[in-house]
Protein backbone atom coordinates (compact mmCIF):
# COMPACT_ATOMS: atom_id res chain seq x y z
CA UNK A 1 88.09 128.17 124.26
CA UNK A 2 87.78 124.43 125.33
CA UNK A 3 91.20 124.46 127.75
CA UNK A 4 89.06 126.79 130.28
CA UNK A 5 85.99 124.59 130.07
CA UNK A 6 87.99 121.11 130.24
CA UNK A 7 90.81 120.43 132.75
CA UNK A 8 93.63 120.38 130.07
CA UNK A 9 96.55 123.04 129.52
CA UNK A 10 96.69 125.45 126.53
CA UNK A 11 99.73 123.97 125.92
CA UNK A 12 98.77 120.39 126.18
CA UNK A 13 95.65 121.03 123.73
CA UNK A 14 98.08 122.24 120.96
CA UNK A 15 100.66 119.32 121.56
CA UNK A 16 97.77 116.78 121.08
CA UNK A 17 96.54 118.96 118.19
CA UNK A 18 99.60 118.86 116.39
CA UNK A 19 100.47 115.04 117.43
CA UNK A 20 97.21 114.27 115.32
CA UNK A 21 98.51 115.41 112.34
CA UNK A 22 101.80 113.33 112.43
CA UNK A 23 99.38 110.14 112.87
CA UNK A 24 97.61 110.89 109.70
CA UNK A 25 100.94 111.40 107.89
CA UNK A 26 102.36 108.02 108.85
CA UNK A 27 99.04 106.41 108.32
CA UNK A 28 99.25 107.65 104.92
CA UNK A 29 103.00 106.60 104.17
CA UNK A 30 102.36 102.92 105.65
CA UNK A 31 99.50 102.93 103.32
CA UNK A 32 101.91 103.81 100.25
CA UNK A 33 104.09 101.46 101.79
CA UNK A 34 101.60 98.60 101.46
CA UNK A 35 100.92 99.73 97.97
CA UNK A 36 104.36 99.22 96.89
CA UNK A 37 104.72 95.73 98.74
CA UNK A 38 101.30 94.65 96.60
CA UNK A 39 102.76 95.48 93.46
CA UNK A 40 105.63 92.73 94.08
CA UNK A 41 103.67 89.98 94.96
CA UNK A 42 106.62 87.51 94.67
CA UNK A 43 109.05 89.64 96.91
CA UNK A 44 107.67 90.79 99.90
CA UNK A 45 111.13 91.21 101.66
CA UNK A 46 111.26 94.73 101.19
CA UNK A 47 113.98 96.31 103.93
CA UNK A 48 114.11 100.20 105.07
CA UNK A 49 116.50 101.04 102.60
CA UNK A 50 114.79 99.42 99.63
CA UNK A 51 111.57 100.66 100.62
CA UNK A 52 112.84 104.31 101.21
CA UNK A 53 114.35 103.78 97.46
CA UNK A 54 110.94 102.66 96.40
CA UNK A 55 109.16 105.61 98.27
CA UNK A 56 111.67 107.84 96.02
CA UNK A 57 110.96 106.39 92.67
CA UNK A 58 107.42 107.80 93.46
CA UNK A 59 108.44 111.35 94.44
CA UNK A 60 107.75 110.56 98.17
CA UNK A 61 111.11 111.75 100.05
CA UNK A 62 111.29 110.69 103.67
CA UNK A 63 114.36 109.91 106.06
CA UNK A 64 115.49 106.76 106.70
CA UNK A 65 114.71 106.94 110.42
CA UNK A 66 111.16 107.91 109.60
CA UNK A 67 110.81 104.87 107.06
CA UNK A 68 112.00 102.63 109.47
CA UNK A 69 109.91 104.27 112.13
CA UNK A 70 106.42 103.66 110.38
CA UNK A 71 107.81 100.42 109.05
CA UNK A 72 108.22 99.25 112.50
CA UNK A 73 105.05 100.50 113.69
CA UNK A 74 103.11 99.16 110.83
CA UNK A 75 104.85 95.37 111.46
CA UNK A 76 106.66 95.59 108.00
CA UNK A 77 110.06 94.55 109.42
């Protein structure tokens, strides 16, 4: 295993691996948020709750805190 070759603990490796999945999911969610904003050219003023509702209308259910976190990291708020 790589942990034997590299100076990395096994738990640290799996934590890093799990975190990569989260980053990809956040990037996908951020891209979907940009699509929503691009559809409404006249009103780019989406707040967290409004964005959550727009995502739910597309069948994407995320908690308010997740939507807020992604919007802050993506500089949408």
